[in-house]
Amino acid sequence: MFPGMNPRQMRQAMKKLGIKQQEISATEVIIRASGKNIVLRNPQILKINMGGQETYQISGDEEIEQDIKQEDIETVMEQTSCTKEQAIKALKKSNGDLAGAILYLK
């Protein structure tokens, strides 16, 4: 957090200021946004309590996953005569682009 300050000094300074930290163990964090999910793999999570207000600091390996709509899956299946699993795979490869998914399967 502060360059040149060792972790022990940092903890002591934070304790004096009334700031409490807690590490949280997790394998992934999913942030659901409109039209996509942000997935953080191998996250490092800190829960920080400062003045009664809790905040979370999260870092990790980021992946963006597009939401796939059922109607898009059905359209790809109809246009290409593929299975549901193949349609989902093609939509993921094309980042949800219908035309790209159909071309991928043809």
PDB file of N, CA and C in Angstrom:
ATOM      1  N   MET A   1       0.827  -1.198   0.000  1.00  0.00           N
ATOM      2  CA  MET A   1       0.000   0.000   0.000  1.00  0.00           C
ATOM      3  C   MET A   1       0.868   1.258   0.000  1.00  0.00           C
ATOM      4  N   PHE A   2       1.805   1.330   0.944  1.00  0.00           N
ATOM      5  CA  PHE A   2       2.733   2.455   0.983  1.00  0.00           C
ATOM      6  C   PHE A   2       4.140   1.941   0.738  1.00  0.00           C
ATOM      7  N   PRO A   3       4.819   2.445  -0.282  1.00  0.00           N
ATOM      8  CA  PRO A   3       6.163   1.954  -0.581  1.00  0.00           C
ATOM      9  C   PRO A   3       7.119   2.194   0.587  1.00  0.00           C
ATOM     10  N   GLY A   4       7.970   1.216   0.861  1.00  0.00           N
ATOM     11  CA  GLY A   4       8.979   1.370   1.900  1.00  0.00           C
ATOM     12  C   GLY A   4       8.497   1.044   3.301  1.00  0.00           C
ATOM     13  N   MET A   5       7.211   0.787   3.487  1.00  0.00           N
ATOM     14  CA  MET A   5       6.680   0.470   4.814  1.00  0.00           C
ATOM     15  C   MET A   5       6.499  -1.039   4.896  1.00  0.00           C
ATOM     16  N   ASN A   6       7.052  -1.645   5.931  1.00  0.00           N
ATOM     17  CA  ASN A   6       6.927  -3.093   6.021  1.00  0.00           C
ATOM     18  C   ASN A   6       5.509  -3.469   6.468  1.00  0.00           C
ATOM     19  N   PRO A   7       5.080  -4.686   6.178  1.00  0.00           N
ATOM     20  CA  PRO A   7       3.707  -5.102   6.471  1.00  0.00           C
ATOM     21  C   PRO A   7       3.329  -4.981   7.947  1.00  0.00           C
ATOM     22  N   ARG A   8       4.281  -5.241   8.843  1.00  0.00           N
ATOM     23  CA  ARG A   8       3.994  -5.145  10.278  1.00  0.00           C
ATOM     24  C   ARG A   8       3.668  -3.694  10.664  1.00  0.00           C
ATOM     25  N   GLN A   9       4.471  -2.756  10.164  1.00  0.00           N
ATOM     26  CA  GLN A   9       4.213  -1.337  10.439  1.00  0.00           C
ATOM     27  C   GLN A   9       2.862  -0.916   9.859  1.00  0.00           C
ATOM     28  N   MET A  10       2.557  -1.443   8.689  1.00  0.00           N
ATOM     29  CA  MET A  10       1.293  -1.122   8.034  1.00  0.00           C
ATOM     30  C   MET A  10       0.119  -1.585   8.891  1.00  0.00           C
ATOM     31  N   ARG A  11       0.183  -2.825   9.399  1.00  0.00           N
ATOM     32  CA  ARG A  11      -0.895  -3.344  10.242  1.00  0.00           C
ATOM     33  C   ARG A  11      -1.061  -2.502  11.505  1.00  0.00           C
ATOM     34  N   GLN A  12       0.061  -2.109  12.103  1.00  0.00           N
ATOM     35  CA  GLN A  12       0.000  -1.292  13.319  1.00  0.00           C
ATOM     36  C   GLN A  12      -0.632   0.074  13.036  1.00  0.00           C
ATOM     37  N   ALA A  13      -0.235   0.688  11.941  1.00  0.00           N
ATOM     38  CA  ALA A  13      -0.794   1.995  11.576  1.00  0.00           C
ATOM     39  C   ALA A  13      -2.294   1.885  11.309  1.00  0.00           C
ATOM     40  N   MET A  14      -2.701   0.827  10.611  1.00  0.00           N
ATOM     41  CA  MET A  14      -4.119   0.641  10.318  1.00  0.00           C
ATOM     42  C   MET A  14      -4.908   0.386  11.600  1.00  0.00           C
ATOM     43  N   LYS A  15      -4.321  -0.347  12.536  1.00  0.00           N
ATOM     44  CA  LYS A  15      -4.995  -0.624  13.808  1.00  0.00           C
ATOM     45  C   LYS A  15      -5.215   0.672  14.579  1.00  0.00           C
ATOM     46  N   LYS A  16      -4.220   1.552  14.572  1.00  0.00           N
ATOM     47  CA  LYS A  16      -4.348   2.841  15.254  1.00  0.00           C
ATOM     48  C   LYS A  16      -5.461   3.692  14.643  1.00  0.00           C
ATOM     49  N   LEU A  17      -5.647   3.569  13.330  1.00  0.00           N
ATOM     50  CA  LEU A  17      -6.683   4.329  12.644  1.00  0.00           C
ATOM     51  C   LEU A  17      -8.059   3.657  12.730  1.00  0.00           C
ATOM     52  N   GLY A  18      -8.120   2.480  13.335  1.00  0.00           N
ATOM     53  CA  GLY A  18      -9.388   1.780  13.466  1.00  0.00           C
ATOM     54  C   GLY A  18      -9.805   1.037  12.206  1.00  0.00           C
ATOM     55  N   ILE A  19      -8.841   0.718  11.378  1.00  0.00           N
ATOM     56  CA  ILE A  19      -9.127   0.007  10.129  1.00  0.00           C
ATOM     57  C   ILE A  19      -8.824  -1.471  10.336  1.00  0.00           C
ATOM     58  N   LYS A  20      -9.823  -2.311  10.075  1.00  0.00           N
ATOM     59  CA  LYS A  20      -9.649  -3.755  10.231  1.00  0.00           C
ATOM     60  C   LYS A  20      -9.700  -4.415   8.861  1.00  0.00           C
ATOM     61  N   GLN A  21      -8.796  -5.384   8.647  1.00  0.00           N
ATOM     62  CA  GLN A  21      -8.739  -6.125   7.392  1.00  0.00           C
ATOM     63  C   GLN A  21      -8.957  -7.601   7.661  1.00  0.00           C
ATOM     64  N   GLN A  22      -9.636  -8.248   6.722  1.00  0.00           N
ATOM     65  CA  GLN A  22      -9.835  -9.689   6.811  1.00  0.00           C
ATOM     66  C   GLN A  22      -9.684 -10.270   5.414  1.00  0.00           C
ATOM     67  N   GLU A  23      -8.831 -11.292   5.270  1.00  0.00           N
ATOM     68  CA  GLU A  23      -8.696 -11.967   3.985  1.00  0.00           C
ATOM     69  C   GLU A  23      -9.830 -12.966   3.840  1.00  0.00           C
ATOM     70  N   ILE A  24     -10.396 -13.035   2.633  1.00  0.00           N
ATOM     71  CA  ILE A  24     -11.473 -13.967   2.346  1.00  0.00           C
ATOM     72  C   ILE A  24     -10.985 -14.931   1.274  1.00  0.00           C
ATOM     73  N   SER A  25     -11.172 -16.224   1.535  1.00  0.00           N
ATOM     74  CA  SER A  25     -10.736 -17.252   0.598  1.00  0.00           C
ATOM     75  C   SER A  25     -11.851 -17.552  -0.398  1.00  0.00           C
ATOM     76  N   ALA A  26     -11.520 -17.566  -1.689  1.00  0.00           N
ATOM     77  CA  ALA A  26     -12.497 -17.875  -2.740  1.00  0.00           C
ATOM     78  C   ALA A  26     -11.757 -18.412  -3.958  1.00  0.00           C
ATOM     79  N   THR A  27     -12.478 -19.139  -4.810  1.00  0.00           N
ATOM     80  CA  THR A  27     -11.868 -19.650  -6.037  1.00  0.00           C
ATOM     81  C   THR A  27     -12.203 -18.781  -7.237  1.00  0.00           C
ATOM     82  N   GLU A  28     -13.347 -18.076  -7.184  1.00  0.00           N
ATOM     83  CA  GLU A  28     -13.694 -17.132  -8.242  1.00  0.00           C
ATOM     84  C   GLU A  28     -14.736 -16.145  -7.733  1.00  0.00           C
ATOM     85  N   VAL A  29     -14.761 -14.994  -8.377  1.00  0.00           N
ATOM     86  CA  VAL A  29     -15.743 -13.947  -8.078  1.00  0.00           C
ATOM     87  C   VAL A  29     -16.440 -13.616  -9.383  1.00  0.00           C
ATOM     88  N   ILE A  30     -17.781 -13.562  -9.355  1.00  0.00           N
ATOM     89  CA  ILE A  30     -18.548 -13.246 -10.553  1.00  0.00           C
ATOM     90  C   ILE A  30     -19.297 -11.945 -10.324  1.00  0.00           C
ATOM     91  N   ILE A  31     -19.072 -10.985 -11.218  1.00  0.00           N
ATOM     92  CA  ILE A  31     -19.789  -9.712 -11.187  1.00  0.00           C
ATOM     93  C   ILE A  31     -20.759  -9.738 -12.355  1.00  0.00           C
ATOM     94  N   ARG A  32     -22.046  -9.721 -12.046  1.00  0.00           N
ATOM     95  CA  ARG A  32     -23.069  -9.789 -13.093  1.00  0.00           C
ATOM     96  C   ARG A  32     -23.412  -8.369 -13.525  1.00  0.00           C
ATOM     97  N   ALA A  33     -23.115  -8.065 -14.774  1.00  0.00           N
ATOM     98  CA  ALA A  33     -23.405  -6.760 -15.351  1.00  0.00           C
ATOM     99  C   ALA A  33     -24.435  -6.950 -16.463  1.00  0.00           C
ATOM    100  N   SER A  34     -24.928  -5.879 -16.984  1.00  0.00           N
ATOM    101  CA  SER A  34     -25.917  -5.954 -18.056  1.00  0.00           C
ATOM    102  C   SER A  34     -25.289  -6.537 -19.311  1.00  0.00           C
ATOM    103  N   GLY A  35     -25.753  -7.727 -19.714  1.00  0.00           N
ATOM    104  CA  GLY A  35     -25.288  -8.346 -20.943  1.00  0.00           C
ATOM    105  C   GLY A  35     -23.998  -9.123 -20.849  1.00  0.00           C
ATOM    106  N   LYS A  36     -23.339  -9.118 -19.672  1.00  0.00           N
ATOM    107  CA  LYS A  36     -22.090  -9.859 -19.541  1.00  0.00           C
ATOM    108  C   LYS A  36     -21.802 -10.144 -18.074  1.00  0.00           C
ATOM    109  N   ASN A  37     -20.923 -11.093 -17.858  1.00  0.00           N
ATOM    110  CA  ASN A  37     -20.422 -11.401 -16.523  1.00  0.00           C
ATOM    111  C   ASN A  37     -18.923 -11.168 -16.523  1.00  0.00           C
ATOM    112  N   ILE A  38     -18.431 -10.565 -15.465  1.00  0.00           N
ATOM    113  CA  ILE A  38     -17.000 -10.397 -15.281  1.00  0.00           C
ATOM    114  C   ILE A  38     -16.589 -11.437 -14.246  1.00  0.00           C
ATOM    115  N   VAL A  39     -15.732 -12.366 -14.660  1.00  0.00           N
ATOM    116  CA  VAL A  39     -15.318 -13.456 -13.787  1.00  0.00           C
ATOM    117  C   VAL A  39     -13.861 -13.229 -13.407  1.00  0.00           C
ATOM    118  N   LEU A  40     -13.588 -13.212 -12.101  1.00  0.00           N
ATOM    119  CA  LEU A  40     -12.225 -13.081 -11.605  1.00  0.00           C
ATOM    120  C   LEU A  40     -11.808 -14.428 -11.033  1.00  0.00           C
ATOM    121  N   ARG A  41     -10.841 -15.054 -11.680  1.00  0.00           N
ATOM    122  CA  ARG A  41     -10.332 -16.358 -11.235  1.00  0.00           C
ATOM    123  C   ARG A  41      -9.122 -16.142 -10.325  1.00  0.00           C
ATOM    124  N   ASN A  42      -8.917 -17.050  -9.383  1.00  0.00           N
ATOM    125  CA  ASN A  42      -7.822 -16.967  -8.403  1.00  0.00           C
ATOM    126  C   ASN A  42      -7.804 -15.592  -7.716  1.00  0.00           C
ATOM    127  N   PRO A  43      -8.928 -15.178  -7.138  1.00  0.00           N
ATOM    128  CA  PRO A  43      -8.983 -13.828  -6.573  1.00  0.00           C
ATOM    129  C   PRO A  43      -8.267 -13.710  -5.226  1.00  0.00           C
ATOM    130  N   GLN A  44      -7.771 -12.518  -4.988  1.00  0.00           N
ATOM    131  CA  GLN A  44      -7.290 -12.133  -3.664  1.00  0.00           C
ATOM    132  C   GLN A  44      -8.309 -11.121  -3.165  1.00  0.00           C
ATOM    133  N   ILE A  45      -8.963 -11.433  -2.044  1.00  0.00           N
ATOM    134  CA  ILE A  45     -10.059 -10.599  -1.557  1.00  0.00           C
ATOM    135  C   ILE A  45      -9.730 -10.103  -0.152  1.00  0.00           C
ATOM    136  N   LEU A  46      -9.845  -8.807   0.046  1.00  0.00           N
ATOM    137  CA  LEU A  46      -9.695  -8.201   1.358  1.00  0.00           C
ATOM    138  C   LEU A  46     -11.003  -7.516   1.730  1.00  0.00           C
ATOM    139  N   LYS A  47     -11.515  -7.833   2.906  1.00  0.00           N
ATOM    140  CA  LYS A  47     -12.681  -7.144   3.447  1.00  0.00           C
ATOM    141  C   LYS A  47     -12.131  -6.123   4.429  1.00  0.00           C
ATOM    142  N   ILE A  48     -12.455  -4.863   4.188  1.00  0.00           N
ATOM    143  CA  ILE A  48     -11.901  -3.772   4.992  1.00  0.00           C
ATOM    144  C   ILE A  48     -13.038  -3.071   5.715  1.00  0.00           C
ATOM    145  N   ASN A  49     -12.904  -2.957   7.046  1.00  0.00           N
ATOM    146  CA  ASN A  49     -13.887  -2.254   7.855  1.00  0.00           C
ATOM    147  C   ASN A  49     -13.237  -0.980   8.364  1.00  0.00           C
ATOM    148  N   MET A  50     -13.774   0.145   7.927  1.00  0.00           N
ATOM    149  CA  MET A  50     -13.226   1.433   8.305  1.00  0.00           C
ATOM    150  C   MET A  50     -14.377   2.330   8.753  1.00  0.00           C
ATOM    151  N   GLY A  51     -14.379   2.664  10.022  1.00  0.00           N
ATOM    152  CA  GLY A  51     -15.418   3.536  10.552  1.00  0.00           C
ATOM    153  C   GLY A  51     -16.813   2.920  10.452  1.00  0.00           C
ATOM    154  N   GLY A  52     -16.908   1.600  10.551  1.00  0.00           N
ATOM    155  CA  GLY A  52     -18.203   0.936  10.485  1.00  0.00           C
ATOM    156  C   GLY A  52     -18.684   0.632   9.074  1.00  0.00           C
ATOM    157  N   GLN A  53     -17.967   1.096   8.071  1.00  0.00           N
ATOM    158  CA  GLN A  53     -18.348   0.825   6.688  1.00  0.00           C
ATOM    159  C   GLN A  53     -17.435  -0.254   6.126  1.00  0.00           C
ATOM    160  N   GLU A  54     -18.063  -1.291   5.547  1.00  0.00           N
ATOM    161  CA  GLU A  54     -17.299  -2.394   4.988  1.00  0.00           C
ATOM    162  C   GLU A  54     -17.133  -2.217   3.479  1.00  0.00           C
ATOM    163  N   THR A  55     -15.909  -2.430   3.003  1.00  0.00           N
ATOM    164  CA  THR A  55     -15.626  -2.414   1.572  1.00  0.00           C
ATOM    165  C   THR A  55     -14.810  -3.655   1.241  1.00  0.00           C
ATOM    166  N   TYR A  56     -14.821  -4.005  -0.032  1.00  0.00           N
ATOM    167  CA  TYR A  56     -14.077  -5.165  -0.493  1.00  0.00           C
ATOM    168  C   TYR A  56     -13.090  -4.728  -1.563  1.00  0.00           C
ATOM    169  N   GLN A  57     -11.884  -5.251  -1.466  1.00  0.00           N
ATOM    170  CA  GLN A  57     -10.859  -5.017  -2.479  1.00  0.00           C
ATOM    171  C   GLN A  57     -10.593  -6.364  -3.129  1.00  0.00           C
ATOM    172  N   ILE A  58     -10.821  -6.439  -4.441  1.00  0.00           N
ATOM    173  CA  ILE A  58     -10.714  -7.711  -5.151  1.00  0.00           C
ATOM    174  C   ILE A  58      -9.759  -7.560  -6.335  1.00  0.00           C
ATOM    175  N   SER A  59      -8.849  -8.508  -6.461  1.00  0.00           N
ATOM    176  CA  SER A  59      -7.989  -8.562  -7.650  1.00  0.00           C
ATOM    177  C   SER A  59      -7.885 -10.017  -8.077  1.00  0.00           C
ATOM    178  N   GLY A  60      -7.626 -10.233  -9.367  1.00  0.00           N
ATOM    179  CA  GLY A  60      -7.519 -11.594  -9.883  1.00  0.00           C
ATOM    180  C   GLY A  60      -7.398 -11.591 -11.395  1.00  0.00           C
ATOM    181  N   ASP A  61      -7.457 -12.774 -11.975  1.00  0.00           N
ATOM    182  CA  ASP A  61      -7.362 -12.947 -13.424  1.00  0.00           C
ATOM    183  C   ASP A  61      -8.745 -12.746 -14.030  1.00  0.00           C
ATOM    184  N   GLU A  62      -8.907 -11.719 -14.857  1.00  0.00           N
ATOM    185  CA  GLU A  62     -10.215 -11.324 -15.384  1.00  0.00           C
ATOM    186  C   GLU A  62     -10.577 -12.041 -16.673  1.00  0.00           C
ATOM    187  N   GLU A  63     -11.841 -12.468 -16.754  1.00  0.00           N
ATOM    188  CA  GLU A  63     -12.432 -13.023 -17.977  1.00  0.00           C
ATOM    189  C   GLU A  63     -13.792 -12.362 -18.155  1.00  0.00           C
ATOM    190  N   ILE A  64     -14.131 -12.049 -19.382  1.00  0.00           N
ATOM    191  CA  ILE A  64     -15.458 -11.498 -19.680  1.00  0.00           C
ATOM    192  C   ILE A  64     -16.279 -12.597 -20.343  1.00  0.00           C
ATOM    193  N   GLU A  65     -17.460 -12.858 -19.809  1.00  0.00           N
ATOM    194  CA  GLU A  65     -18.369 -13.846 -20.395  1.00  0.00           C
ATOM    195  C   GLU A  65     -19.641 -13.133 -20.831  1.00  0.00           C
ATOM    196  N   GLN A  66     -19.993 -13.278 -22.092  1.00  0.00           N
ATOM    197  CA  GLN A  66     -21.224 -12.683 -22.612  1.00  0.00           C
ATOM    198  C   GLN A  66     -22.416 -13.539 -22.191  1.00  0.00           C
ATOM    199  N   ASP A  67     -23.526 -12.894 -21.834  1.00  0.00           N
ATOM    200  CA  ASP A  67     -24.756 -13.639 -21.562  1.00  0.00           C
ATOM    201  C   ASP A  67     -25.282 -14.207 -22.871  1.00  0.00           C
ATOM    202  N   ILE A  68     -25.697 -15.443 -22.838  1.00  0.00           N
ATOM    203  CA  ILE A  68     -26.249 -16.086 -24.031  1.00  0.00           C
ATOM    204  C   ILE A  68     -27.738 -16.288 -23.808  1.00  0.00           C
ATOM    205  N   LYS A  69     -28.535 -15.716 -24.700  1.00  0.00           N
ATOM    206  CA  LYS A  69     -29.989 -15.787 -24.573  1.00  0.00           C
ATOM    207  C   LYS A  69     -30.511 -17.081 -25.185  1.00  0.00           C
ATOM    208  N   GLN A  70     -31.578 -17.610 -24.585  1.00  0.00           N
ATOM    209  CA  GLN A  70     -32.190 -18.836 -25.067  1.00  0.00           C
ATOM    210  C   GLN A  70     -32.641 -18.695 -26.520  1.00  0.00           C
ATOM    211  N   GLU A  71     -33.178 -17.524 -26.850  1.00  0.00           N
ATOM    212  CA  GLU A  71     -33.648 -17.328 -28.234  1.00  0.00           C
ATOM    213  C   GLU A  71     -32.490 -17.353 -29.231  1.00  0.00           C
ATOM    214  N   ASP A  72     -31.308 -16.893 -28.828  1.00  0.00           N
ATOM    215  CA  ASP A  72     -30.138 -16.958 -29.699  1.00  0.00           C
ATOM    216  C   ASP A  72     -29.703 -18.408 -29.910  1.00  0.00           C
ATOM    217  N   ILE A  73     -29.749 -19.189 -28.826  1.00  0.00           N
ATOM    218  CA  ILE A  73     -29.401 -20.611 -28.930  1.00  0.00           C
ATOM    219  C   ILE A  73     -30.340 -21.301 -29.907  1.00  0.00           C
ATOM    220  N   GLU A  74     -31.635 -21.030 -29.766  1.00  0.00           N
ATOM    221  CA  GLU A  74     -32.631 -21.653 -30.639  1.00  0.00           C
ATOM    222  C   GLU A  74     -32.446 -21.242 -32.100  1.00  0.00           C
ATOM    223  N   THR A  75     -32.135 -19.975 -32.341  1.00  0.00           N
ATOM    224  CA  THR A  75     -31.912 -19.490 -33.706  1.00  0.00           C
ATOM    225  C   THR A  75     -30.731 -20.212 -34.350  1.00  0.00           C
ATOM    226  N   VAL A  76     -29.626 -20.331 -33.612  1.00  0.00           N
ATOM    227  CA  VAL A  76     -28.444 -21.019 -34.143  1.00  0.00           C
ATOM    228  C   VAL A  76     -28.771 -22.482 -34.422  1.00  0.00           C
ATOM    229  N   MET A  77     -29.520 -23.121 -33.512  1.00  0.00           N
ATOM    230  CA  MET A  77     -29.896 -24.530 -33.712  1.00  0.00           C
ATOM    231  C   MET A  77     -30.759 -24.697 -34.964  1.00  0.00           C
ATOM    232  N   GLU A  78     -31.707 -23.785 -35.172  1.00  0.00           N
ATOM    233  CA  GLU A  78     -32.594 -23.858 -36.344  1.00  0.00           C
ATOM    234  C   GLU A  78     -31.817 -23.652 -37.643  1.00  0.00           C
ATOM    235  N   GLN A  79     -30.901 -22.690 -37.641  1.00  0.00           N
ATOM    236  CA  GLN A  79     -30.168 -22.340 -38.863  1.00  0.00           C
ATOM    237  C   GLN A  79     -29.102 -23.365 -39.244  1.00  0.00           C
ATOM    238  N   THR A  80     -28.598 -24.104 -38.260  1.00  0.00           N
ATOM    239  CA  THR A  80     -27.478 -25.011 -38.546  1.00  0.00           C
ATOM    240  C   THR A  80     -27.787 -26.478 -38.259  1.00  0.00           C
ATOM    241  N   SER A  81     -28.953 -26.769 -37.717  1.00  0.00           N
ATOM    242  CA  SER A  81     -29.331 -28.145 -37.337  1.00  0.00           C
ATOM    243  C   SER A  81     -28.314 -28.773 -36.381  1.00  0.00           C
ATOM    244  N   CYS A  82     -27.825 -27.979 -35.444  1.00  0.00           N
ATOM    245  CA  CYS A  82     -26.843 -28.473 -34.480  1.00  0.00           C
ATOM    246  C   CYS A  82     -27.529 -28.757 -33.137  1.00  0.00           C
ATOM    247  N   THR A  83     -26.768 -29.308 -32.212  1.00  0.00           N
ATOM    248  CA  THR A  83     -27.285 -29.561 -30.872  1.00  0.00           C
ATOM    249  C   THR A  83     -27.216 -28.276 -30.047  1.00  0.00           C
ATOM    250  N   LYS A  84     -27.889 -28.301 -28.913  1.00  0.00           N
ATOM    251  CA  LYS A  84     -27.887 -27.142 -28.016  1.00  0.00           C
ATOM    252  C   LYS A  84     -26.459 -26.846 -27.537  1.00  0.00           C
ATOM    253  N   GLU A  85     -25.717 -27.881 -27.186  1.00  0.00           N
ATOM    254  CA  GLU A  85     -24.346 -27.714 -26.701  1.00  0.00           C
ATOM    255  C   GLU A  85     -23.454 -27.086 -27.770  1.00  0.00           C
ATOM    256  N   GLN A  86     -23.628 -27.535 -29.027  1.00  0.00           N
ATOM    257  CA  GLN A  86     -22.835 -26.971 -30.123  1.00  0.00           C
ATOM    258  C   GLN A  86     -23.193 -25.500 -30.344  1.00  0.00           C
ATOM    259  N   ALA A  87     -24.473 -25.172 -30.231  1.00  0.00           N
ATOM    260  CA  ALA A  87     -24.910 -23.786 -30.407  1.00  0.00           C
ATOM    261  C   ALA A  87     -24.324 -22.891 -29.320  1.00  0.00           C
ATOM    262  N   ILE A  88     -24.343 -23.362 -28.087  1.00  0.00           N
ATOM    263  CA  ILE A  88     -23.784 -22.589 -26.969  1.00  0.00           C
ATOM    264  C   ILE A  88     -22.288 -22.375 -27.167  1.00  0.00           C
ATOM    265  N   LYS A  89     -21.587 -23.429 -27.559  1.00  0.00           N
ATOM    266  CA  LYS A  89     -20.138 -23.325 -27.788  1.00  0.00           C
ATOM    267  C   LYS A  89     -19.839 -22.307 -28.888  1.00  0.00           C
ATOM    268  N   ALA A  90     -20.602 -22.362 -29.981  1.00  0.00           N
ATOM    269  CA  ALA A  90     -20.388 -21.437 -31.099  1.00  0.00           C
ATOM    270  C   ALA A  90     -20.687 -19.997 -30.679  1.00  0.00           C
ATOM    271  N   LEU A  91     -21.746 -19.790 -29.896  1.00  0.00           N
ATOM    272  CA  LEU A  91     -22.080 -18.434 -29.428  1.00  0.00           C
ATOM    273  C   LEU A  91     -21.005 -17.897 -28.493  1.00  0.00           C
ATOM    274  N   LYS A  92     -20.452 -18.754 -27.649  1.00  0.00           N
ATOM    275  CA  LYS A  92     -19.370 -18.317 -26.759  1.00  0.00           C
ATOM    276  C   LYS A  92     -18.134 -17.947 -27.571  1.00  0.00           C
ATOM    277  N   LYS A  93     -17.808 -18.772 -28.581  1.00  0.00           N
ATOM    278  CA  LYS A  93     -16.631 -18.491 -29.426  1.00  0.00           C
ATOM    279  C   LYS A  93     -16.777 -17.176 -30.178  1.00  0.00           C
ATOM    280  N   SER A  94     -18.025 -16.845 -30.558  1.00  0.00           N
ATOM    281  CA  SER A  94     -18.261 -15.625 -31.336  1.00  0.00           C
ATOM    282  C   SER A  94     -18.702 -14.455 -30.454  1.00  0.00           C
ATOM    283  N   ASN A  95     -18.533 -14.591 -29.135  1.00  0.00           N
ATOM    284  CA  ASN A  95     -18.926 -13.538 -28.188  1.00  0.00           C
ATOM    285  C   ASN A  95     -20.374 -13.105 -28.345  1.00  0.00           C
ATOM    286  N   GLY A  96     -21.251 -14.088 -28.559  1.00  0.00           N
ATOM    287  CA  GLY A  96     -22.684 -13.810 -28.632  1.00  0.00           C
ATOM    288  C   GLY A  96     -23.165 -13.332 -29.984  1.00  0.00           C
ATOM    289  N   ASP A  97     -22.292 -13.280 -30.984  1.00  0.00           N
ATOM    290  CA  ASP A  97     -22.676 -12.815 -32.317  1.00  0.00           C
ATOM    291  C   ASP A  97     -23.367 -13.952 -33.070  1.00  0.00           C
ATOM    292  N   LEU A  98     -24.655 -13.763 -33.381  1.00  0.00           N
ATOM    293  CA  LEU A  98     -25.437 -14.804 -34.051  1.00  0.00           C
ATOM    294  C   LEU A  98     -24.840 -15.212 -35.392  1.00  0.00           C
ATOM    295  N   ALA A  99     -24.552 -14.237 -36.233  1.00  0.00           N
ATOM    296  CA  ALA A  99     -24.006 -14.537 -37.570  1.00  0.00           C
ATOM    297  C   ALA A  99     -22.668 -15.257 -37.443  1.00  0.00           C
ATOM    298  N   GLY A 100     -21.834 -14.821 -36.539  1.00  0.00           N
ATOM    299  CA  GLY A 100     -20.544 -15.465 -36.341  1.00  0.00           C
ATOM    300  C   GLY A 100     -20.693 -16.912 -35.880  1.00  0.00           C
ATOM    301  N   ALA A 101     -21.648 -17.154 -34.993  1.00  0.00           N
ATOM    302  CA  ALA A 101     -21.888 -18.503 -34.496  1.00  0.00           C
ATOM    303  C   ALA A 101     -22.382 -19.419 -35.615  1.00  0.00           C
ATOM    304  N   ILE A 102     -23.273 -18.899 -36.436  1.00  0.00           N
ATOM    305  CA  ILE A 102     -23.813 -19.693 -37.543  1.00  0.00           C
ATOM    306  C   ILE A 102     -22.708 -20.007 -38.546  1.00  0.00           C
ATOM    307  N   LEU A 103     -21.894 -19.027 -38.877  1.00  0.00           N
ATOM    308  CA  LEU A 103     -20.790 -19.253 -39.813  1.00  0.00           C
ATOM    309  C   LEU A 103     -19.764 -20.233 -39.228  1.00  0.00           C
ATOM    310  N   TYR A 104     -19.550 -20.152 -37.948  1.00  0.00           N
ATOM    311  CA  TYR A 104     -18.604 -21.057 -37.276  1.00  0.00           C
ATOM    312  C   TYR A 104     -19.044 -22.515 -37.436  1.00  0.00           C
ATOM    313  N   LEU A 105     -20.362 -22.740 -37.374  1.00  0.00           N
ATOM    314  CA  LEU A 105     -20.880 -24.100 -37.450  1.00  0.00           C
ATOM    315  C   LEU A 105     -21.083 -24.620 -38.872  1.00  0.00           C
ATOM    316  N   LYS A 106     -21.101 -23.726 -39.863  1.00  0.00           N
ATOM    317  CA  LYS A 106     -21.346 -24.169 -41.248  1.00  0.00           C
ATOM    318  C   LYS A 106     -20.085 -24.471 -41.975  1.00  0.00           C
TER     319      LYS A 106
END
